[in-house]
PDB file of N, CA and C in Angstrom:
ATOM      1  N   MET A   1     131.496  87.506 167.608  1.00  0.00           N
ATOM      2  CA  MET A   1     130.410  87.417 168.514  1.00  0.00           C
ATOM      3  C   MET A   1     129.573  88.453 168.968  1.00  0.00           C
ATOM      4  N   ASP A   2     128.527  88.101 169.249  1.00  0.00           N
ATOM      5  CA  ASP A   2     127.497  88.843 169.795  1.00  0.00           C
ATOM      6  C   ASP A   2     127.821  88.804 171.148  1.00  0.00           C
ATOM      7  N   GLU A   3     127.981  90.246 171.960  1.00  0.00           N
ATOM      8  CA  GLU A   3     128.259  89.897 173.270  1.00  0.00           C
ATOM      9  C   GLU A   3     127.161  89.888 174.099  1.00  0.00           C
ATOM     10  N   THR A   4     125.883  90.192 173.620  1.00  0.00           N
ATOM     11  CA  THR A   4     124.750  89.983 174.478  1.00  0.00           C
ATOM     12  C   THR A   4     124.330  88.660 174.602  1.00  0.00           C
ATOM     13  N   GLN A   5     124.287  87.841 173.986  1.00  0.00           N
ATOM     14  CA  GLN A   5     123.992  86.584 173.726  1.00  0.00           C
ATOM     15  C   GLN A   5     124.784  85.504 173.927  1.00  0.00           C
ATOM     16  N   GLY A   6     126.217  85.758 173.409  1.00  0.00           N
ATOM     17  CA  GLY A   6     127.305  84.713 173.474  1.00  0.00           C
ATOM     18  C   GLY A   6     127.249  83.874 172.256  1.00  0.00           C
ATOM     19  N   THR A   7     126.579  84.404 170.794  1.00  0.00           N
ATOM     20  CA  THR A   7     126.458  83.462 170.096  1.00  0.00           C
ATOM     21  C   THR A   7     127.473  84.281 169.110  1.00  0.00           C
ATOM     22  N   PRO A   8     128.020  83.637 168.130  1.00  0.00           N
ATOM     23  CA  PRO A   8     128.504  84.446 167.072  1.00  0.00           C
ATOM     24  C   PRO A   8     127.834  85.117 166.138  1.00  0.00           C
ATOM     25  N   ALA A   9     128.274  86.584 165.828  1.00  0.00           N
ATOM     26  CA  ALA A   9     127.347  87.434 164.699  1.00  0.00           C
ATOM     27  C   ALA A   9     127.204  86.706 163.434  1.00  0.00           C
ATOM     28  N   PRO A  10     126.037  86.652 162.771  1.00  0.00           N
ATOM     29  CA  PRO A  10     125.555  86.173 161.433  1.00  0.00           C
ATOM     30  C   PRO A  10     126.606  87.323 160.485  1.00  0.00           C
ATOM     31  N   GLU A  11     127.083  86.778 159.695  1.00  0.00           N
ATOM     32  CA  GLU A  11     127.914  87.229 158.387  1.00  0.00           C
ATOM     33  C   GLU A  11     126.988  88.013 157.739  1.00  0.00           C
ATOM     34  N   GLU A  12     127.653  89.222 157.510  1.00  0.00           N
ATOM     35  CA  GLU A  12     126.516  89.925 156.758  1.00  0.00           C
ATOM     36  C   GLU A  12     126.647  89.547 155.178  1.00  0.00           C
ATOM     37  N   THR A  13     125.792  89.297 154.559  1.00  0.00           N
ATOM     38  CA  THR A  13     125.924  89.031 153.176  1.00  0.00           C
ATOM     39  C   THR A  13     125.910  90.504 152.240  1.00  0.00           C
ATOM     40  N   PRO A  14     126.778  90.354 151.378  1.00  0.00           N
ATOM     41  CA  PRO A  14     126.529  91.413 150.286  1.00  0.00           C
ATOM     42  C   PRO A  14     125.527  91.450 149.726  1.00  0.00           C
ATOM     43  N   ALA A  15     124.960  92.728 149.330  1.00  0.00           N
ATOM     44  CA  ALA A  15     123.738  92.900 148.651  1.00  0.00           C
ATOM     45  C   ALA A  15     123.908  92.418 147.349  1.00  0.00           C
ATOM     46  N   PRO A  16     122.978  91.757 146.727  1.00  0.00           N
ATOM     47  CA  PRO A  16     123.058  91.055 145.143  1.00  0.00           C
ATOM     48  C   PRO A  16     123.541  92.604 144.265  1.00  0.00           C
ATOM     49  N   GLU A  17     124.461  92.233 143.524  1.00  0.00           N
ATOM     50  CA  GLU A  17     124.917  93.519 142.163  1.00  0.00           C
ATOM     51  C   GLU A  17     123.587  93.337 141.359  1.00  0.00           C
ATOM     52  N   PRO A  18     123.143  94.523 140.908  1.00  0.00           N
ATOM     53  CA  PRO A  18     122.191  94.720 139.710  1.00  0.00           C
ATOM     54  C   PRO A  18     122.701  93.886 138.652  1.00  0.00           C
ATOM     55  N   MET A  19     121.815  93.131 137.904  1.00  0.00           N
ATOM     56  CA  MET A  19     122.080  92.668 136.637  1.00  0.00           C
ATOM     57  C   MET A  19     122.435  93.922 135.557  1.00  0.00           C
ATOM     58  N   PRO A  20     123.793  93.848 134.441  1.00  0.00           N
ATOM     59  CA  PRO A  20     123.742  94.859 133.756  1.00  0.00           C
ATOM     60  C   PRO A  20     122.484  94.702 132.422  1.00  0.00           C
ATOM     61  N   ALA A  21     122.200  95.884 131.992  1.00  0.00           N
ATOM     62  CA  ALA A  21     121.135  96.234 131.240  1.00  0.00           C
ATOM     63  C   ALA A  21     121.534  95.489 129.975  1.00  0.00           C
ATOM     64  N   ALA A  22     120.464  94.565 129.370  1.00  0.00           N
ATOM     65  CA  ALA A  22     120.686  93.708 128.175  1.00  0.00           C
ATOM     66  C   ALA A  22     120.979  94.829 127.130  1.00  0.00           C
ATOM     67  N   PRO A  23     121.991  94.405 126.146  1.00  0.00           N
ATOM     68  CA  PRO A  23     122.538  95.285 125.260  1.00  0.00           C
ATOM     69  C   PRO A  23     121.100  95.535 124.218  1.00  0.00           C
ATOM     70  N   PRO A  24     121.147  96.877 123.574  1.00  0.00           N
ATOM     71  CA  PRO A  24     120.186  96.992 122.545  1.00  0.00           C
ATOM     72  C   PRO A  24     120.178  96.064 121.185  1.00  0.00           C
ATOM     73  N   PRO A  25     119.058  95.829 120.911  1.00  0.00           N
ATOM     74  CA  PRO A  25     119.408  94.685 119.453  1.00  0.00           C
ATOM     75  C   PRO A  25     119.542  95.424 118.460  1.00  0.00           C
ATOM     76  N   PRO A  26     120.265  94.628 117.469  1.00  0.00           N
ATOM     77  CA  PRO A  26     121.214  95.010 116.356  1.00  0.00           C
ATOM     78  C   PRO A  26     120.071  95.653 115.405  1.00  0.00           C
ATOM     79  N   PRO A  27     120.443  96.688 114.737  1.00  0.00           N
ATOM     80  CA  PRO A  27     119.683  97.286 113.827  1.00  0.00           C
ATOM     81  C   PRO A  27     118.944  96.695 112.515  1.00  0.00           C
ATOM     82  N   ALA A  28     117.787  96.482 112.361  1.00  0.00           N
ATOM     83  CA  ALA A  28     117.069  95.491 111.259  1.00  0.00           C
ATOM     84  C   ALA A  28     117.552  95.912 110.109  1.00  0.00           C
ATOM     85  N   ALA A  29     118.171  94.630 109.407  1.00  0.00           N
ATOM     86  CA  ALA A  29     118.600  94.923 107.946  1.00  0.00           C
ATOM     87  C   ALA A  29     117.448  95.560 107.201  1.00  0.00           C
ATOM     88  N   PRO A  30     117.860  96.424 105.910  1.00  0.00           N
ATOM     89  CA  PRO A  30     116.840  96.758 105.120  1.00  0.00           C
ATOM     90  C   PRO A  30     116.225  95.737 104.384  1.00  0.00           C
ATOM     91  N   GLN A  31     114.827  96.107 104.720  1.00  0.00           N
ATOM     92  CA  GLN A  31     114.049  94.885 103.527  1.00  0.00           C
ATOM     93  C   GLN A  31     113.671  95.282 102.347  1.00  0.00           C
ATOM     94  N   PRO A  32     113.668  94.390 101.303  1.00  0.00           N
ATOM     95  CA  PRO A  32     113.282  94.874 100.287  1.00  0.00           C
ATOM     96  C   PRO A  32     111.852  95.587  99.930  1.00  0.00           C
ATOM     97  N   ALA A  33     111.361  96.344  99.049  1.00  0.00           N
ATOM     98  CA  ALA A  33     110.028  96.782  99.097  1.00  0.00           C
ATOM     99  C   ALA A  33     109.069  95.950  99.004  1.00  0.00           C
ATOM    100  N   ALA A  34     107.992  96.385 100.089  1.00  0.00           N
ATOM    101  CA  ALA A  34     107.032  95.314 100.104  1.00  0.00           C
ATOM    102  C   ALA A  34     106.226  95.176  98.911  1.00  0.00           C
ATOM    103  N   PRO A  35     105.175  93.822  98.757  1.00  0.00           N
ATOM    104  CA  PRO A  35     104.262  94.109  97.303  1.00  0.00           C
ATOM    105  C   PRO A  35     103.706  95.143  97.536  1.00  0.00           C
ATOM    106  N   ASN A  36     103.276  95.777  98.344  1.00  0.00           N
ATOM    107  CA  ASN A  36     101.876  96.644  98.709  1.00  0.00           C
ATOM    108  C   ASN A  36     102.506  98.016  98.331  1.00  0.00           C
ATOM    109  N   SER A  37     103.670  98.438  98.175  1.00  0.00           N
ATOM    110  CA  SER A  37     104.159  99.528  98.275  1.00  0.00           C
ATOM    111  C   SER A  37     104.187 100.187  96.650  1.00  0.00           C
ATOM    112  N   ASN A  38     105.102 101.052  96.323  1.00  0.00           N
ATOM    113  CA  ASN A  38     104.931 101.576  94.959  1.00  0.00           C
ATOM    114  C   ASN A  38     105.771 100.886  94.143  1.00  0.00           C
ATOM    115  N   VAL A  39     106.090  99.597  94.250  1.00  0.00           N
ATOM    116  CA  VAL A  39     106.562  98.704  92.997  1.00  0.00           C
ATOM    117  C   VAL A  39     105.816  98.640  92.139  1.00  0.00           C
ATOM    118  N   GLY A  40     104.395  98.290  92.128  1.00  0.00           N
ATOM    119  CA  GLY A  40     103.445  98.250  91.000  1.00  0.00           C
ATOM    120  C   GLY A  40     103.509  99.362  90.129  1.00  0.00           C
ATOM    121  N   LEU A  41     103.276 100.652  90.793  1.00  0.00           N
ATOM    122  CA  LEU A  41     103.319 101.588  90.197  1.00  0.00           C
ATOM    123  C   LEU A  41     104.865 102.214  89.507  1.00  0.00           C
ATOM    124  N   VAL A  42     105.610 101.763  90.076  1.00  0.00           N
ATOM    125  CA  VAL A  42     107.156 102.061  89.397  1.00  0.00           C
ATOM    126  C   VAL A  42     107.240 101.092  88.086  1.00  0.00           C
ATOM    127  N   ALA A  43     106.608  99.810  88.236  1.00  0.00           N
ATOM    128  CA  ALA A  43     106.724  99.167  87.052  1.00  0.00           C
ATOM    129  C   ALA A  43     105.905  99.396  85.847  1.00  0.00           C
ATOM    130  N   LEU A  44     104.787  99.819  86.164  1.00  0.00           N
ATOM    131  CA  LEU A  44     103.731 100.460  85.250  1.00  0.00           C
ATOM    132  C   LEU A  44     104.287 101.652  84.541  1.00  0.00           C
ATOM    133  N   LEU A  45     105.267 102.489  85.385  1.00  0.00           N
ATOM    134  CA  LEU A  45     105.691 103.596  84.711  1.00  0.00           C
ATOM    135  C   LEU A  45     107.314 103.350  83.789  1.00  0.00           C
ATOM    136  N   CYS A  46     107.618 102.189  84.119  1.00  0.00           N
ATOM    137  CA  CYS A  46     108.774 101.439  83.506  1.00  0.00           C
ATOM    138  C   CYS A  46     108.287 101.096  82.318  1.00  0.00           C
ATOM    139  N   TRP A  47     107.396 100.695  81.955  1.00  0.00           N
ATOM    140  CA  TRP A  47     106.649  99.942  80.790  1.00  0.00           C
ATOM    141  C   TRP A  47     106.183 100.954  79.740  1.00  0.00           C
ATOM    142  N   ILE A  48     105.880 102.236  80.427  1.00  0.00           N
ATOM    143  CA  ILE A  48     105.091 103.220  79.563  1.00  0.00           C
ATOM    144  C   ILE A  48     106.012 103.982  79.282  1.00  0.00           C
ATOM    145  N   PHE A  49     106.767 104.803  80.345  1.00  0.00           N
ATOM    146  CA  PHE A  49     107.678 105.666  79.696  1.00  0.00           C
ATOM    147  C   PHE A  49     109.348 105.017  79.824  1.00  0.00           C
ATOM    148  N   ALA A  50     109.923 104.896  78.950  1.00  0.00           N
ATOM    149  CA  ALA A  50     111.203 104.006  78.896  1.00  0.00           C
ATOM    150  C   ALA A  50     112.400 104.710  79.839  1.00  0.00           C
ATOM    151  N   PRO A  51     112.065 105.893  79.597  1.00  0.00           N
ATOM    152  CA  PRO A  51     113.305 106.714  80.296  1.00  0.00           C
ATOM    153  C   PRO A  51     113.196 106.440  81.905  1.00  0.00           C
ATOM    154  N   TRP A  52     112.131 106.830  82.258  1.00  0.00           N
ATOM    155  CA  TRP A  52     111.854 106.298  83.835  1.00  0.00           C
ATOM    156  C   TRP A  52     112.390 104.848  84.150  1.00  0.00           C
ATOM    157  N   GLY A  53     112.029 104.003  83.240  1.00  0.00           N
ATOM    158  CA  GLY A  53     112.584 102.490  83.401  1.00  0.00           C
ATOM    159  C   GLY A  53     114.142 102.631  83.733  1.00  0.00           C
ATOM    160  N   ILE A  54     114.789 103.242  82.817  1.00  0.00           N
ATOM    161  CA  ILE A  54     116.352 103.354  82.822  1.00  0.00           C
ATOM    162  C   ILE A  54     116.764 103.930  84.297  1.00  0.00           C
ATOM    163  N   ILE A  55     115.930 105.163  84.551  1.00  0.00           N
ATOM    164  CA  ILE A  55     116.364 105.559  85.975  1.00  0.00           C
ATOM    165  C   ILE A  55     115.930 104.644  86.892  1.00  0.00           C
ATOM    166  N   ALA A  56     114.950 104.108  86.896  1.00  0.00           N
ATOM    167  CA  ALA A  56     114.437 103.468  88.155  1.00  0.00           C
ATOM    168  C   ALA A  56     115.519 102.335  88.351  1.00  0.00           C
ATOM    169  N   LEU A  57     116.284 101.742  87.195  1.00  0.00           N
ATOM    170  CA  LEU A  57     117.433 100.669  87.222  1.00  0.00           C
ATOM    171  C   LEU A  57     118.421 101.070  88.328  1.00  0.00           C
ATOM    172  N   PHE A  58     118.665 102.467  88.545  1.00  0.00           N
ATOM    173  CA  PHE A  58     119.798 102.948  89.325  1.00  0.00           C
ATOM    174  C   PHE A  58     119.388 103.347  90.601  1.00  0.00           C
ATOM    175  N   LEU A  59     117.843 103.706  90.949  1.00  0.00           N
ATOM    176  CA  LEU A  59     117.432 103.786  92.251  1.00  0.00           C
ATOM    177  C   LEU A  59     117.687 102.627  93.311  1.00  0.00           C
ATOM    178  N   ASP A  60     118.343 103.130  94.499  1.00  0.00           N
ATOM    179  CA  ASP A  60     117.964 101.952  95.277  1.00  0.00           C
ATOM    180  C   ASP A  60     117.257 101.105  95.733  1.00  0.00           C
ATOM    181  N   ASP A  61     116.182 101.832  95.780  1.00  0.00           N
ATOM    182  CA  ASP A  61     114.944 101.050  96.511  1.00  0.00           C
ATOM    183  C   ASP A  61     114.453  99.977  95.405  1.00  0.00           C
ATOM    184  N   TYR A  62     114.463 100.212  94.095  1.00  0.00           N
ATOM    185  CA  TYR A  62     113.877  99.276  93.208  1.00  0.00           C
ATOM    186  C   TYR A  62     115.000  98.520  92.321  1.00  0.00           C
ATOM    187  N   LYS A  63     116.280  98.670  92.335  1.00  0.00           N
ATOM    188  CA  LYS A  63     117.359  98.191  91.277  1.00  0.00           C
ATOM    189  C   LYS A  63     117.341  96.857  91.810  1.00  0.00           C
ATOM    190  N   GLY A  64     116.815  96.277  92.807  1.00  0.00           N
ATOM    191  CA  GLY A  64     117.031  94.953  93.416  1.00  0.00           C
ATOM    192  C   GLY A  64     115.597  93.979  93.293  1.00  0.00           C
ATOM    193  N   VAL A  65     114.779  94.916  92.722  1.00  0.00           N
ATOM    194  CA  VAL A  65     113.257  94.346  92.742  1.00  0.00           C
ATOM    195  C   VAL A  65     113.284  93.726  91.397  1.00  0.00           C
ATOM    196  N   ARG A  66     112.736  92.553  90.862  1.00  0.00           N
ATOM    197  CA  ARG A  66     112.903  91.724  89.753  1.00  0.00           C
ATOM    198  C   ARG A  66     111.939  92.230  88.762  1.00  0.00           C
ATOM    199  N   LEU A  67     110.582  92.460  89.483  1.00  0.00           N
ATOM    200  CA  LEU A  67     109.526  93.082  88.494  1.00  0.00           C
ATOM    201  C   LEU A  67     109.785  94.337  87.979  1.00  0.00           C
ATOM    202  N   VAL A  68     110.576  95.087  88.379  1.00  0.00           N
ATOM    203  CA  VAL A  68     110.970  96.432  88.218  1.00  0.00           C
ATOM    204  C   VAL A  68     112.055  96.641  86.840  1.00  0.00           C
ATOM    205  N   ARG A  69     112.984  95.531  87.527  1.00  0.00           N
ATOM    206  CA  ARG A  69     113.985  95.210  86.370  1.00  0.00           C
ATOM    207  C   ARG A  69     113.592  94.633  84.997  1.00  0.00           C
ATOM    208  N   SER A  70     112.360  93.848  85.062  1.00  0.00           N
ATOM    209  CA  SER A  70     112.175  93.075  83.901  1.00  0.00           C
ATOM    210  C   SER A  70     111.165  94.173  83.138  1.00  0.00           C
ATOM    211  N   ALA A  71     110.424  95.176  84.132  1.00  0.00           N
ATOM    212  CA  ALA A  71     109.611  96.042  83.158  1.00  0.00           C
ATOM    213  C   ALA A  71     110.457  97.194  82.649  1.00  0.00           C
ATOM    214  N   ALA A  72     111.560  97.570  83.442  1.00  0.00           N
ATOM    215  CA  ALA A  72     112.244  98.650  82.623  1.00  0.00           C
ATOM    216  C   ALA A  72     113.212  98.152  81.571  1.00  0.00           C
ATOM    217  N   ILE A  73     113.587  96.871  81.582  1.00  0.00           N
ATOM    218  CA  ILE A  73     114.476  96.556  80.524  1.00  0.00           C
ATOM    219  C   ILE A  73     113.408  96.030  79.077  1.00  0.00           C
ATOM    220  N   GLN A  74     112.492  95.271  79.539  1.00  0.00           N
ATOM    221  CA  GLN A  74     111.576  95.112  78.425  1.00  0.00           C
ATOM    222  C   GLN A  74     110.761  96.264  77.610  1.00  0.00           C
ATOM    223  N   GLY A  75     110.437  97.046  78.650  1.00  0.00           N
ATOM    224  CA  GLY A  75     109.876  98.480  78.290  1.00  0.00           C
ATOM    225  C   GLY A  75     110.491  99.111  77.344  1.00  0.00           C
ATOM    226  N   ALA A  76     111.771  99.506  77.721  1.00  0.00           N
ATOM    227  CA  ALA A  76     112.783  99.852  76.700  1.00  0.00           C
ATOM    228  C   ALA A  76     112.999  99.484  75.376  1.00  0.00           C
ATOM    229  N   ALA A  77     113.377  98.208  75.562  1.00  0.00           N
ATOM    230  CA  ALA A  77     113.325  97.231  74.352  1.00  0.00           C
ATOM    231  C   ALA A  77     112.301  97.131  73.357  1.00  0.00           C
ATOM    232  N   VAL A  78     110.957  97.385  74.018  1.00  0.00           N
ATOM    233  CA  VAL A  78     109.424  97.389  73.172  1.00  0.00           C
ATOM    234  C   VAL A  78     109.446  98.872  72.572  1.00  0.00           C
ATOM    235  N   ALA A  79     109.959  99.988  73.602  1.00  0.00           N
ATOM    236  CA  ALA A  79     109.930 101.334  72.718  1.00  0.00           C
ATOM    237  C   ALA A  79     110.671 101.597  71.614  1.00  0.00           C
ATOM    238  N   VAL A  80     112.153 100.954  71.690  1.00  0.00           N
ATOM    239  CA  VAL A  80     112.915 100.830  70.758  1.00  0.00           C
ATOM    240  C   VAL A  80     112.361 100.363  69.323  1.00  0.00           C
ATOM    241  N   ILE A  81     112.115  99.057  69.421  1.00  0.00           N
ATOM    242  CA  ILE A  81     111.837  98.379  68.262  1.00  0.00           C
ATOM    243  C   ILE A  81     110.325  99.042  67.914  1.00  0.00           C
ATOM    244  N   GLY A  82     109.346  99.805  68.312  1.00  0.00           N
ATOM    245  CA  GLY A  82     108.233 100.399  67.928  1.00  0.00           C
ATOM    246  C   GLY A  82     108.495 101.492  67.454  1.00  0.00           C
ATOM    247  N   ILE A  83     109.783 102.539  67.871  1.00  0.00           N
ATOM    248  CA  ILE A  83     110.183 103.560  67.118  1.00  0.00           C
ATOM    249  C   ILE A  83     110.784 103.086  66.040  1.00  0.00           C
ATOM    250  N   LEU A  84     111.713 102.436  65.841  1.00  0.00           N
ATOM    251  CA  LEU A  84     112.387 101.638  64.581  1.00  0.00           C
ATOM    252  C   LEU A  84     111.275 101.093  63.376  1.00  0.00           C
ATOM    253  N   LEU A  85     110.246 100.594  64.029  1.00  0.00           N
ATOM    254  CA  LEU A  85     109.434  99.892  63.003  1.00  0.00           C
ATOM    255  C   LEU A  85     108.409 100.953  62.173  1.00  0.00           C
ATOM    256  N   SER A  86     108.129 102.180  63.226  1.00  0.00           N
ATOM    257  CA  SER A  86     107.361 103.175  62.964  1.00  0.00           C
ATOM    258  C   SER A  86     107.565 103.983  61.678  1.00  0.00           C
ATOM    259  N   SER A  87     109.128 103.798  61.426  1.00  0.00           N
ATOM    260  CA  SER A  87     109.484 104.502  60.243  1.00  0.00           C
ATOM    261  C   SER A  87     108.943 103.833  58.879  1.00  0.00           C
ATOM    262  N   PHE A  88     108.588 102.308  59.129  1.00  0.00           N
ATOM    263  CA  PHE A  88     108.370 101.490  57.866  1.00  0.00           C
ATOM    264  C   PHE A  88     106.890 101.322  57.743  1.00  0.00           C
ATOM    265  N   THR A  89     106.087 101.891  59.162  1.00  0.00           N
ATOM    266  CA  THR A  89     104.944 101.487  59.118  1.00  0.00           C
ATOM    267  C   THR A  89     104.080 103.052  59.273  1.00  0.00           C
ATOM    268  N   PHE A  90     104.598 103.965  59.049  1.00  0.00           N
ATOM    269  CA  PHE A  90     104.189 105.517  59.180  1.00  0.00           C
ATOM    270  C   PHE A  90     103.589 105.763  60.330  1.00  0.00           C
ATOM    271  N   GLY A  91     104.116 105.022  61.525  1.00  0.00           N
ATOM    272  CA  GLY A  91     103.727 105.406  62.803  1.00  0.00           C
ATOM    273  C   GLY A  91     102.918 104.372  63.348  1.00  0.00           C
ATOM    274  N   LEU A  92     102.403 103.470  62.814  1.00  0.00           N
ATOM    275  CA  LEU A  92     101.280 102.755  62.986  1.00  0.00           C
ATOM    276  C   LEU A  92     102.089 101.530  64.130  1.00  0.00           C
ATOM    277  N   ALA A  93     103.145 101.235  64.111  1.00  0.00           N
ATOM    278  CA  ALA A  93     103.828 100.342  64.942  1.00  0.00           C
ATOM    279  C   ALA A  93     104.262 101.138  66.290  1.00  0.00           C
ATOM    280  N   SER A  94     104.678 102.233  66.255  1.00  0.00           N
ATOM    281  CA  SER A  94     104.610 102.993  67.451  1.00  0.00           C
ATOM    282  C   SER A  94     103.284 102.930  68.397  1.00  0.00           C
ATOM    283  N   ILE A  95     102.318 103.181  67.709  1.00  0.00           N
ATOM    284  CA  ILE A  95     101.053 103.271  68.469  1.00  0.00           C
ATOM    285  C   ILE A  95     100.692 101.863  68.880  1.00  0.00           C
ATOM    286  N   ALA A  96     100.849 101.176  68.037  1.00  0.00           N
ATOM    287  CA  ALA A  96     100.682  99.540  68.575  1.00  0.00           C
ATOM    288  C   ALA A  96     101.614  99.232  69.655  1.00  0.00           C
ATOM    289  N   ALA A  97     102.860  99.451  69.602  1.00  0.00           N
ATOM    290  CA  ALA A  97     103.703  99.128  70.564  1.00  0.00           C
ATOM    291  C   ALA A  97     103.528 100.018  71.901  1.00  0.00           C
ATOM    292  N   PHE A  98     103.067 101.254  71.601  1.00  0.00           N
ATOM    293  CA  PHE A  98     102.532 101.928  73.043  1.00  0.00           C
ATOM    294  C   PHE A  98     101.213 101.354  73.648  1.00  0.00           C
ATOM    295  N   ILE A  99     100.457 100.668  72.817  1.00  0.00           N
ATOM    296  CA  ILE A  99      99.362 100.196  73.506  1.00  0.00           C
ATOM    297  C   ILE A  99      99.565  98.933  74.019  1.00  0.00           C
ATOM    298  N   TYR A 100     100.280  98.294  73.713  1.00  0.00           N
ATOM    299  CA  TYR A 100     100.849  96.938  73.986  1.00  0.00           C
ATOM    300  C   TYR A 100     101.679  97.145  75.249  1.00  0.00           C
ATOM    301  N   GLN A 101     102.572  98.274  75.546  1.00  0.00           N
ATOM    302  CA  GLN A 101     103.069  98.651  76.842  1.00  0.00           C
ATOM    303  C   GLN A 101     102.024  99.094  77.828  1.00  0.00           C
ATOM    304  N   ILE A 102     101.011  99.741  77.555  1.00  0.00           N
ATOM    305  CA  ILE A 102      99.766 100.257  78.450  1.00  0.00           C
ATOM    306  C   ILE A 102      99.482  98.774  79.144  1.00  0.00           C
ATOM    307  N   ILE A 103      99.086  97.842  78.234  1.00  0.00           N
ATOM    308  CA  ILE A 103      98.555  96.486  78.739  1.00  0.00           C
ATOM    309  C   ILE A 103      99.562  95.913  79.731  1.00  0.00           C
ATOM    310  N   LEU A 104     100.812  95.736  79.202  1.00  0.00           N
ATOM    311  CA  LEU A 104     101.988  95.037  79.867  1.00  0.00           C
ATOM    312  C   LEU A 104     102.069  95.876  81.055  1.00  0.00           C
ATOM    313  N   GLY A 105     101.984  97.236  81.451  1.00  0.00           N
ATOM    314  CA  GLY A 105     102.302  97.891  82.400  1.00  0.00           C
ATOM    315  C   GLY A 105     100.999  97.986  83.267  1.00  0.00           C
ATOM    316  N   LEU A 106      99.952  97.646  82.976  1.00  0.00           N
ATOM    317  CA  LEU A 106      99.082  97.376  83.890  1.00  0.00           C
ATOM    318  C   LEU A 106      99.018  96.035  84.338  1.00  0.00           C
ATOM    319  N   LYS A 107      99.380  94.953  83.883  1.00  0.00           N
ATOM    320  CA  LYS A 107      99.857  93.639  84.632  1.00  0.00           C
ATOM    321  C   LYS A 107     100.620  93.687  85.536  1.00  0.00           C
ATOM    322  N   ALA A 108     101.821  94.394  85.254  1.00  0.00           N
ATOM    323  CA  ALA A 108     102.952  95.036  86.154  1.00  0.00           C
ATOM    324  C   ALA A 108     102.432  95.607  87.231  1.00  0.00           C
ATOM    325  N   TYR A 109     101.511  96.517  87.171  1.00  0.00           N
ATOM    326  CA  TYR A 109     100.796  96.978  88.475  1.00  0.00           C
ATOM    327  C   TYR A 109     100.032  96.304  89.226  1.00  0.00           C
ATOM    328  N   LYS A 110      99.416  94.808  89.042  1.00  0.00           N
ATOM    329  CA  LYS A 110      98.822  93.994  89.816  1.00  0.00           C
ATOM    330  C   LYS A 110     100.047  93.157  90.280  1.00  0.00           C
ATOM    331  N   GLY A 111     101.319  93.281  89.546  1.00  0.00           N
ATOM    332  CA  GLY A 111     102.155  92.222  90.274  1.00  0.00           C
ATOM    333  C   GLY A 111     102.651  91.220  89.212  1.00  0.00           C
ATOM    334  N   GLU A 112     101.886  91.092  88.223  1.00  0.00           N
ATOM    335  CA  GLU A 112     102.325  90.001  87.193  1.00  0.00           C
ATOM    336  C   GLU A 112     103.675  90.250  86.237  1.00  0.00           C
ATOM    337  N   ASP A 113     104.604  89.437  86.724  1.00  0.00           N
ATOM    338  CA  ASP A 113     105.771  89.557  85.570  1.00  0.00           C
ATOM    339  C   ASP A 113     105.481  89.378  84.024  1.00  0.00           C
ATOM    340  N   SER A 114     105.440  90.036  82.951  1.00  0.00           N
ATOM    341  CA  SER A 114     105.095  89.934  81.818  1.00  0.00           C
ATOM    342  C   SER A 114     106.407  89.545  81.122  1.00  0.00           C
ATOM    343  N   GLN A 115     106.330  88.910  80.236  1.00  0.00           N
ATOM    344  CA  GLN A 115     107.330  88.152  79.129  1.00  0.00           C
ATOM    345  C   GLN A 115     106.613  88.367  77.739  1.00  0.00           C
ATOM    346  N   VAL A 116     108.056  89.382  76.997  1.00  0.00           N
ATOM    347  CA  VAL A 116     107.302  89.733  75.675  1.00  0.00           C
ATOM    348  C   VAL A 116     107.869  88.544  74.972  1.00  0.00           C
ATOM    349  N   PRO A 117     107.121  87.782  74.381  1.00  0.00           N
ATOM    350  CA  PRO A 117     107.554  86.631  73.190  1.00  0.00           C
ATOM    351  C   PRO A 117     108.735  87.180  72.260  1.00  0.00           C
ATOM    352  N   GLY A 118     109.829  86.588  72.256  1.00  0.00           N
ATOM    353  CA  GLY A 118     110.902  86.888  71.582  1.00  0.00           C
ATOM    354  C   GLY A 118     111.876  87.239  71.701  1.00  0.00           C
ATOM    355  N   LEU A 119     111.214  88.616  72.749  1.00  0.00           N
ATOM    356  CA  LEU A 119     112.106  89.620  73.419  1.00  0.00           C
ATOM    357  C   LEU A 119     112.864  89.144  74.834  1.00  0.00           C
ATOM    358  N   TYR A 120     111.945  88.505  75.569  1.00  0.00           N
ATOM    359  CA  TYR A 120     112.541  88.160  76.785  1.00  0.00           C
ATOM    360  C   TYR A 120     113.643  87.072  76.876  1.00  0.00           C
ATOM    361  N   GLY A 121     113.782  86.363  75.793  1.00  0.00           N
ATOM    362  CA  GLY A 121     114.732  85.411  75.618  1.00  0.00           C
ATOM    363  C   GLY A 121     116.159  86.138  75.508  1.00  0.00           C
ATOM    364  N   LEU A 122     115.917  87.267  74.915  1.00  0.00           N
ATOM    365  CA  LEU A 122     117.251  88.163  74.322  1.00  0.00           C
ATOM    366  C   LEU A 122     117.829  88.965  75.757  1.00  0.00           C
ATOM    367  N   VAL A 123     116.826  89.326  76.408  1.00  0.00           N
ATOM    368  CA  VAL A 123     117.194  90.171  77.534  1.00  0.00           C
ATOM    369  C   VAL A 123     117.075  89.488  79.057  1.00  0.00           C
ATOM    370  N   GLN A 124     116.842  88.250  78.994  1.00  0.00           N
ATOM    371  CA  GLN A 124     116.489  87.700  80.282  1.00  0.00           C
ATOM    372  C   GLN A 124     118.148  87.718  81.039  1.00  0.00           C
ATOM    373  N   SER A 125     119.238  87.764  80.450  1.00  0.00           N
ATOM    374  CA  SER A 125     120.416  87.556  81.331  1.00  0.00           C
ATOM    375  C   SER A 125     120.600  89.058  81.996  1.00  0.00           C
ATOM    376  N   MET A 126     120.132  90.255  81.329  1.00  0.00           N
ATOM    377  CA  MET A 126     120.195  91.526  81.974  1.00  0.00           C
ATOM    378  C   MET A 126     119.325  91.535  83.293  1.00  0.00           C
ATOM    379  N   ILE A 127     118.148  91.044  83.128  1.00  0.00           N
ATOM    380  CA  ILE A 127     117.084  90.837  83.925  1.00  0.00           C
ATOM    381  C   ILE A 127     117.368  90.110  85.397  1.00  0.00           C
ATOM    382  N   ASP A 128     117.844  89.032  85.015  1.00  0.00           N
ATOM    383  CA  ASP A 128     118.544  88.072  86.383  1.00  0.00           C
ATOM    384  C   ASP A 128     119.529  88.494  86.752  1.00  0.00           C
ATOM    385  N   GLN A 129     120.351  89.586  86.622  1.00  0.00           N
ATOM    386  CA  GLN A 129     121.787  89.887  87.222  1.00  0.00           C
ATOM    387  C   GLN A 129     121.508  90.158  88.512  1.00  0.00           C
TER     388      GLN A 129
END
């Protein structure tokens, strides 16, 4: 009781405890390569230079990108077919295959997934893995 007024003393209320800080947000999951990144350039290089395409299949940034996988596998197959046929055509098949690879590489650079007639059916299972 309060001795001066004869009324009971008000109970002291404890100060409110501060709220604990919110936990930090979880780290963002890695995103696949954006369409405006280097995917088109890598796909172009996969079509034109078959060894680069084989290497790109093992790079973490591009091994899951279907456009790069398609360009790498089909580009290597077209290069091998061109080399094999060039022995019968005195090199003309190799030149024609390289021009065809440049055309398909430019399409891949724009983001279009090209399918080589006859060859795509054979390598589709490897592309879709």
